[in-house]
N, C-alpha and C. Protein backbone atom coordinates (compact mmCIF):
# COMPACT_ATOMS: atom_id res chain seq x y z
N UNK A 1 140.88 -227.65 319.53
CA UNK A 1 139.58 -227.49 319.78
C UNK A 1 138.97 -226.80 318.73
N UNK A 2 137.52 -227.17 318.54
CA UNK A 2 136.87 -226.72 317.63
C UNK A 2 135.52 -225.87 318.37
N UNK A 3 135.11 -224.59 317.63
CA UNK A 3 134.09 -224.09 318.36
C UNK A 3 133.28 -223.27 317.21
N UNK A 4 131.77 -223.15 317.62
CA UNK A 4 131.19 -222.53 316.60
C UNK A 4 129.69 -222.71 316.88
N UNK A 5 128.61 -222.93 316.04
CA UNK A 5 127.43 -223.02 316.26
C UNK A 5 126.94 -224.17 315.40
N UNK A 6 125.91 -225.02 315.95
CA UNK A 6 125.52 -226.14 315.38
C UNK A 6 123.85 -226.32 315.43
N UNK A 7 123.16 -226.72 314.33
CA UNK A 7 121.85 -226.73 314.36
C UNK A 7 121.50 -228.08 313.93
N UNK A 8 120.44 -228.85 314.54
CA UNK A 8 120.13 -230.27 314.27
C UNK A 8 118.52 -230.12 314.04
N UNK A 9 118.26 -230.76 313.03
CA UNK A 9 116.86 -231.04 312.70
C UNK A 9 116.43 -232.40 312.31
N UNK A 10 115.52 -232.97 313.06
CA UNK A 10 115.20 -234.38 313.28
C UNK A 10 113.60 -234.57 312.84
N UNK A 11 113.67 -235.20 311.47
CA UNK A 11 112.19 -235.08 311.05
C UNK A 11 111.37 -236.28 311.48
N UNK A 12 110.30 -236.40 311.17
CA UNK A 12 109.35 -237.55 311.62
C UNK A 12 107.99 -237.24 312.50
N UNK A 13 107.52 -238.02 312.98
CA UNK A 13 106.27 -237.96 313.68
C UNK A 13 106.67 -236.95 314.85
N UNK A 14 107.52 -237.07 315.70
CA UNK A 14 107.85 -236.29 316.59
C UNK A 14 109.28 -235.44 316.41
N UNK A 15 109.11 -234.55 315.30
CA UNK A 15 110.32 -233.67 314.96
C UNK A 15 110.64 -232.74 315.95
N UNK A 16 111.78 -232.84 315.87
CA UNK A 16 112.68 -232.13 316.90
C UNK A 16 113.79 -231.02 316.15
N UNK A 17 113.92 -230.01 316.65
CA UNK A 17 115.10 -229.15 316.33
C UNK A 17 115.82 -228.50 317.48
N UNK A 18 117.13 -228.13 317.42
CA UNK A 18 117.73 -227.33 318.41
C UNK A 18 119.04 -226.39 317.80
N UNK A 19 119.38 -225.64 318.43
CA UNK A 19 120.70 -225.09 317.81
C UNK A 19 121.51 -224.71 319.07
N UNK A 20 122.50 -224.63 319.11
CA UNK A 20 123.37 -224.22 320.35
C UNK A 20 124.74 -223.97 319.75
N UNK A 21 125.69 -222.87 320.50
CA UNK A 21 127.20 -222.83 320.61
C UNK A 21 127.75 -224.18 320.99
N UNK A 22 128.78 -224.45 320.33
CA UNK A 22 129.56 -225.60 320.96
C UNK A 22 131.02 -225.31 321.01
N UNK A 23 131.57 -226.37 321.73
CA UNK A 23 133.04 -226.36 321.70
C UNK A 23 133.31 -227.96 321.76
N UNK A 24 134.13 -228.29 321.00
CA UNK A 24 134.34 -229.88 320.64
C UNK A 24 135.97 -230.16 320.93
N UNK A 25 136.19 -230.94 322.02
CA UNK A 25 137.66 -231.15 322.27
C UNK A 25 137.99 -232.53 322.30
N UNK A 26 139.30 -233.27 322.01
CA UNK A 26 139.60 -234.36 322.06
C UNK A 26 139.84 -235.05 320.65
N UNK A 27 139.32 -236.22 320.71
CA UNK A 27 139.34 -237.05 319.69
C UNK A 27 137.94 -237.91 319.50
N UNK A 28 138.04 -238.78 318.45
CA UNK A 28 136.72 -239.68 318.38
C UNK A 28 136.91 -240.67 319.45
N UNK A 29 138.11 -241.01 320.08
CA UNK A 29 137.93 -242.03 321.30
C UNK A 29 137.89 -241.62 322.54
N UNK A 30 138.20 -240.32 322.72
CA UNK A 30 138.02 -239.76 324.01
C UNK A 30 138.11 -238.09 324.08
N UNK A 31 136.96 -237.71 324.11
CA UNK A 31 136.55 -236.31 323.91
C UNK A 31 135.41 -235.83 324.72
N UNK A 32 135.24 -234.45 324.37
CA UNK A 32 134.28 -233.69 325.28
C UNK A 32 133.50 -232.75 324.22
N UNK A 33 132.21 -232.71 324.12
CA UNK A 33 131.18 -231.72 323.57
C UNK A 33 130.58 -230.76 324.39
N UNK A 34 130.74 -229.51 324.66
CA UNK A 34 130.05 -228.64 325.34
C UNK A 34 129.01 -227.78 324.42
N UNK A 35 127.79 -227.59 324.96
CA UNK A 35 126.78 -226.94 324.30
C UNK A 35 126.46 -225.59 325.12
N UNK A 36 126.23 -224.67 324.65
CA UNK A 36 125.67 -223.35 325.16
C UNK A 36 124.69 -222.81 324.62
N UNK A 37 123.78 -222.11 325.79
CA UNK A 37 122.59 -221.51 325.29
C UNK A 37 122.96 -220.10 324.73
N UNK A 38 121.99 -219.30 323.90
CA UNK A 38 122.39 -218.24 323.13
C UNK A 38 122.99 -217.02 324.54
N UNK A 39 122.76 -217.18 325.56
CA UNK A 39 123.56 -216.18 326.74
C UNK A 39 124.65 -216.67 327.08
N UNK A 40 125.34 -217.95 326.59
CA UNK A 40 126.39 -218.30 327.17
C UNK A 40 126.49 -219.54 328.13
N UNK A 41 125.33 -219.82 328.66
CA UNK A 41 125.22 -220.65 329.83
C UNK A 41 125.53 -222.11 329.26
N UNK A 42 126.06 -223.14 329.97
CA UNK A 42 126.24 -224.61 329.54
C UNK A 42 125.01 -224.98 329.55
N UNK A 43 124.29 -225.49 328.30
CA UNK A 43 123.17 -226.14 328.33
C UNK A 43 123.50 -227.77 328.67
N UNK A 44 124.50 -228.34 328.20
CA UNK A 44 124.71 -229.89 328.17
C UNK A 44 126.32 -230.11 327.96
N UNK A 45 126.73 -230.93 328.74
CA UNK A 45 128.19 -231.47 328.40
C UNK A 45 128.31 -232.74 328.12
N UNK A 46 128.72 -233.28 327.06
CA UNK A 46 128.84 -234.74 326.65
C UNK A 46 130.37 -234.97 326.83
N UNK A 47 130.50 -236.16 327.58
CA UNK A 47 132.21 -236.60 327.49
C UNK A 47 131.99 -238.10 327.06
N UNK A 48 133.41 -238.70 326.55
CA UNK A 48 133.22 -240.10 326.07
C UNK A 48 134.77 -240.62 326.18
N UNK A 49 134.72 -241.78 326.59
CA UNK A 49 135.89 -242.65 326.45
C UNK A 49 135.52 -243.94 325.94
N UNK A 50 136.95 -244.67 325.77
CA UNK A 50 136.16 -246.09 325.58
C UNK A 50 135.35 -246.79 326.50
N UNK A 51 134.01 -247.39 325.81
CA UNK A 51 133.33 -248.22 326.56
C UNK A 51 132.48 -247.26 327.63
N UNK A 52 132.39 -246.15 327.63
CA UNK A 52 131.28 -245.31 328.46
C UNK A 52 131.18 -243.89 327.94
N UNK A 53 130.00 -243.24 328.21
CA UNK A 53 129.96 -241.84 327.65
C UNK A 53 129.00 -241.17 328.89
N UNK A 54 129.11 -240.01 329.13
CA UNK A 54 128.31 -239.22 330.18
C UNK A 54 127.62 -237.86 329.40
N UNK A 55 126.41 -237.82 330.12
CA UNK A 55 125.85 -236.42 329.56
C UNK A 55 125.56 -235.86 330.81
N UNK A 56 125.94 -234.55 331.20
CA UNK A 56 125.55 -233.51 332.09
C UNK A 56 124.62 -232.54 331.62
N UNK A 57 123.55 -232.60 332.16
CA UNK A 57 122.47 -231.60 331.85
C UNK A 57 121.47 -231.42 332.96
N UNK A 58 120.88 -230.13 332.98
CA UNK A 58 119.96 -230.07 334.08
C UNK A 58 120.20 -230.40 335.62
N UNK A 59 121.43 -230.19 335.94
CA UNK A 59 121.89 -230.65 337.20
C UNK A 59 122.20 -232.23 337.54
N UNK A 60 122.04 -232.91 336.44
CA UNK A 60 122.06 -234.28 336.54
C UNK A 60 123.20 -234.91 335.66
N UNK A 61 123.58 -236.00 335.88
CA UNK A 61 124.65 -236.66 335.07
C UNK A 61 124.17 -238.26 334.69
N UNK A 62 124.12 -238.58 333.41
CA UNK A 62 123.72 -239.76 333.06
C UNK A 62 124.87 -240.39 332.46
N UNK A 63 124.87 -241.79 332.60
CA UNK A 63 125.92 -242.70 331.84
C UNK A 63 125.42 -243.52 330.90
N UNK A 64 126.09 -243.75 329.83
CA UNK A 64 125.60 -244.51 328.70
C UNK A 64 126.80 -245.50 328.11
N UNK A 65 126.52 -246.57 327.46
CA UNK A 65 127.27 -247.46 326.99
C UNK A 65 128.32 -246.90 325.77
N UNK A 66 127.88 -246.05 325.12
CA UNK A 66 128.56 -245.38 324.05
C UNK A 66 127.89 -243.88 323.77
N UNK A 67 128.91 -243.21 323.12
CA UNK A 67 128.51 -241.93 322.56
C UNK A 67 127.25 -241.89 321.64
N UNK A 68 127.26 -243.08 320.87
CA UNK A 68 125.93 -243.07 319.96
C UNK A 68 124.80 -243.10 320.66
N UNK A 69 124.61 -243.94 321.76
CA UNK A 69 123.57 -244.16 322.74
C UNK A 69 123.34 -242.74 323.31
N UNK A 70 124.19 -242.12 323.92
CA UNK A 70 124.19 -240.76 324.32
C UNK A 70 123.39 -239.89 323.52
N UNK A 71 124.21 -239.76 322.29
CA UNK A 71 123.33 -238.82 321.40
C UNK A 71 122.21 -239.02 320.96
N UNK A 72 121.81 -240.21 320.82
CA UNK A 72 120.29 -240.70 320.46
C UNK A 72 119.43 -240.21 321.46
N UNK A 73 119.94 -240.39 322.76
CA UNK A 73 119.07 -240.06 323.95
C UNK A 73 118.76 -238.65 323.92
N UNK A 74 120.03 -237.85 323.65
CA UNK A 74 119.83 -236.34 324.00
C UNK A 74 119.27 -235.72 322.67
N UNK A 75 119.16 -236.29 321.59
CA UNK A 75 118.81 -235.43 320.42
C UNK A 75 117.67 -236.30 319.73
N UNK A 76 117.55 -237.52 319.98
CA UNK A 76 116.52 -238.18 319.21
C UNK A 76 116.82 -238.93 318.07
N UNK A 77 118.28 -238.81 317.83
CA UNK A 77 118.97 -239.70 316.60
C UNK A 77 120.40 -239.74 316.87
N UNK A 78 121.00 -241.06 316.67
CA UNK A 78 122.43 -241.00 316.93
C UNK A 78 123.28 -239.94 316.09
N UNK A 79 124.17 -239.27 316.60
CA UNK A 79 124.77 -238.44 315.67
C UNK A 79 126.22 -238.94 315.43
N UNK A 80 126.90 -238.51 314.21
CA UNK A 80 128.07 -239.04 313.93
C UNK A 80 129.33 -238.38 314.60
N UNK A 81 129.35 -238.49 315.91
CA UNK A 81 130.04 -237.49 316.56
C UNK A 81 131.56 -237.84 316.22
N UNK A 82 131.90 -238.91 316.14
CA UNK A 82 133.42 -239.39 315.71
C UNK A 82 133.74 -238.83 314.33
N UNK A 83 132.62 -238.82 313.39
CA UNK A 83 133.13 -238.37 312.12
C UNK A 83 133.07 -236.58 312.22
N UNK A 84 132.68 -236.09 313.19
CA UNK A 84 132.92 -234.57 312.96
C UNK A 84 134.22 -233.98 313.13
N UNK A 85 135.16 -234.87 313.76
CA UNK A 85 136.65 -234.49 313.90
C UNK A 85 137.06 -234.47 312.36
N UNK A 86 136.66 -235.41 311.88
CA UNK A 86 137.14 -235.38 310.26
C UNK A 86 136.52 -234.37 309.56
N UNK A 87 135.35 -234.16 309.61
CA UNK A 87 134.63 -233.43 308.95
C UNK A 87 135.03 -231.96 309.03
N UNK A 88 135.26 -231.52 310.35
CA UNK A 88 135.70 -230.23 310.71
C UNK A 88 137.12 -230.07 310.18
N UNK A 89 137.94 -230.99 309.83
CA UNK A 89 139.25 -230.94 309.51
C UNK A 89 139.35 -230.81 307.72
N UNK A 90 137.98 -231.12 307.23
CA UNK A 90 137.81 -231.05 305.78
C UNK A 90 137.98 -232.39 305.27
N UNK A 91 138.17 -233.52 306.11
CA UNK A 91 138.28 -234.95 305.23
C UNK A 91 136.87 -235.61 305.51
N UNK A 92 136.98 -236.35 304.48
CA UNK A 92 135.54 -237.09 304.35
C UNK A 92 135.77 -238.30 305.24
N UNK A 93 134.52 -238.63 305.56
CA UNK A 93 134.34 -239.49 306.66
C UNK A 93 133.20 -240.55 306.37
N UNK A 94 133.29 -242.03 306.12
CA UNK A 94 132.12 -242.89 305.68
C UNK A 94 131.50 -242.85 306.91
N UNK A 95 129.94 -242.83 307.06
CA UNK A 95 129.16 -242.70 308.14
C UNK A 95 127.99 -243.60 307.28
N UNK A 96 127.73 -244.69 307.63
CA UNK A 96 126.48 -245.20 306.87
C UNK A 96 125.24 -244.41 307.20
N UNK A 97 124.55 -244.02 306.10
CA UNK A 97 123.19 -243.22 306.26
C UNK A 97 123.51 -242.02 306.27
N UNK A 98 124.62 -241.54 306.42
CA UNK A 98 124.92 -239.83 306.42
C UNK A 98 125.63 -239.40 305.13
N UNK A 99 125.18 -238.36 304.54
CA UNK A 99 126.08 -237.63 303.38
C UNK A 99 126.38 -236.24 303.71
N UNK A 100 127.94 -236.14 304.04
CA UNK A 100 128.34 -234.73 304.30
C UNK A 100 128.65 -233.85 303.24
N UNK A 101 128.43 -232.67 303.24
CA UNK A 101 128.87 -231.71 302.28
C UNK A 101 129.84 -230.82 302.81
N UNK A 102 131.03 -230.97 302.27
CA UNK A 102 132.24 -230.44 302.86
C UNK A 102 132.76 -229.47 301.79
N UNK A 103 131.97 -229.06 301.04
CA UNK A 103 132.44 -228.06 299.79
C UNK A 103 132.64 -226.67 300.18
N UNK A 104 132.10 -226.63 301.57
CA UNK A 104 132.26 -225.06 302.15
C UNK A 104 132.99 -224.88 303.31
N UNK A 105 133.90 -226.16 303.67
CA UNK A 105 134.47 -226.20 305.15
C UNK A 105 135.58 -225.16 305.16
N UNK A 106 136.33 -224.53 303.94
CA UNK A 106 137.41 -223.77 304.05
C UNK A 106 136.34 -222.29 304.47
N UNK A 107 135.01 -222.15 304.24
CA UNK A 107 134.44 -221.07 304.83
C UNK A 107 134.02 -221.26 306.02
N UNK A 108 134.25 -222.35 306.71
CA UNK A 108 133.74 -222.66 308.06
C UNK A 108 132.33 -223.19 308.13
N UNK A 109 131.82 -223.95 307.14
CA UNK A 109 130.53 -224.52 307.03
C UNK A 109 130.51 -225.79 306.68
N UNK A 110 129.70 -226.61 307.37
CA UNK A 110 129.49 -228.16 306.95
C UNK A 110 128.00 -228.36 307.00
N UNK A 111 127.41 -229.27 306.26
CA UNK A 111 126.27 -229.79 306.46
C UNK A 111 126.22 -231.32 306.25
N UNK A 112 125.28 -231.99 306.88
CA UNK A 112 125.31 -233.36 306.63
C UNK A 112 123.83 -233.76 306.82
N UNK A 113 123.37 -234.74 306.03
CA UNK A 113 122.01 -235.23 305.94
C UNK A 113 121.92 -236.60 306.31
N UNK A 114 121.23 -237.09 307.01
CA UNK A 114 121.05 -238.63 307.20
C UNK A 114 119.65 -239.09 306.62
N UNK A 115 119.74 -239.91 305.96
CA UNK A 115 118.50 -240.57 305.19
C UNK A 115 118.04 -242.05 305.62
N UNK A 116 118.92 -242.55 306.21
CA UNK A 116 118.80 -243.90 306.86
C UNK A 116 119.65 -244.15 308.03
N UNK A 117 119.02 -244.70 308.82
CA UNK A 117 117.51 -245.20 309.29
C UNK A 117 116.96 -244.02 309.63
N UNK A 118 115.52 -244.08 309.48
CA UNK A 118 114.58 -242.95 309.65
C UNK A 118 114.37 -242.87 311.35
N UNK A 119 114.16 -241.72 311.71
CA UNK A 119 113.85 -240.51 310.74
C UNK A 119 115.07 -239.69 310.40
N UNK A 120 114.82 -239.10 309.22
CA UNK A 120 116.01 -238.37 308.50
C UNK A 120 116.07 -237.26 309.57
N UNK A 121 117.39 -236.81 309.35
CA UNK A 121 118.12 -235.71 310.06
C UNK A 121 119.00 -234.81 309.32
N UNK A 122 118.94 -233.49 309.60
CA UNK A 122 119.97 -232.73 309.07
C UNK A 122 120.73 -231.98 309.95
N UNK A 123 122.18 -231.98 310.21
CA UNK A 123 122.87 -231.26 310.74
C UNK A 123 123.86 -230.18 310.15
N UNK A 124 123.72 -228.93 310.58
CA UNK A 124 124.47 -227.70 310.01
C UNK A 124 125.55 -227.09 310.97
N UNK A 125 126.72 -226.95 310.68
CA UNK A 125 127.40 -226.48 311.58
C UNK A 125 128.23 -225.21 310.86
N UNK A 126 128.44 -224.28 311.64
CA UNK A 126 129.49 -222.91 311.45
C UNK A 126 130.42 -223.05 312.23
N UNK A 127 131.61 -222.93 311.90
CA UNK A 127 132.78 -222.86 312.98
C UNK A 127 133.89 -222.19 312.21
N UNK A 128 134.75 -221.74 313.37
CA UNK A 128 136.17 -221.09 312.82
C UNK A 128 137.02 -221.89 312.29
N UNK A 129 137.36 -222.00 310.88
CA UNK A 129 138.15 -222.78 310.11
C UNK A 129 139.46 -222.61 310.48
């Protein structure tokens, strides 16, 4: 299990940004990402397995065909959730359009920037290594 804080900023006409505490469990194939408010309440829970993904938030649960579709709906951009497992372990993972900076992973810090497709996005993670 990985835990820490993440911040996402999506640029463009309808810029979005959010930050949350997180817990990430499982694997790229089958896992769960829980997001928490500053007061520790569960803001959202994302779960996935081959062929399906679920988002539980605001007392509702929605189903998606993939974790990429789910993350795009939840954040405004598809996130490289499968790559997070490698990045958190300090391993480079090739994700089209994303450039990850793992130079501070030993300090529990990762940043990644997506340049293509638009809109651009920046993901910053602070975690317990």
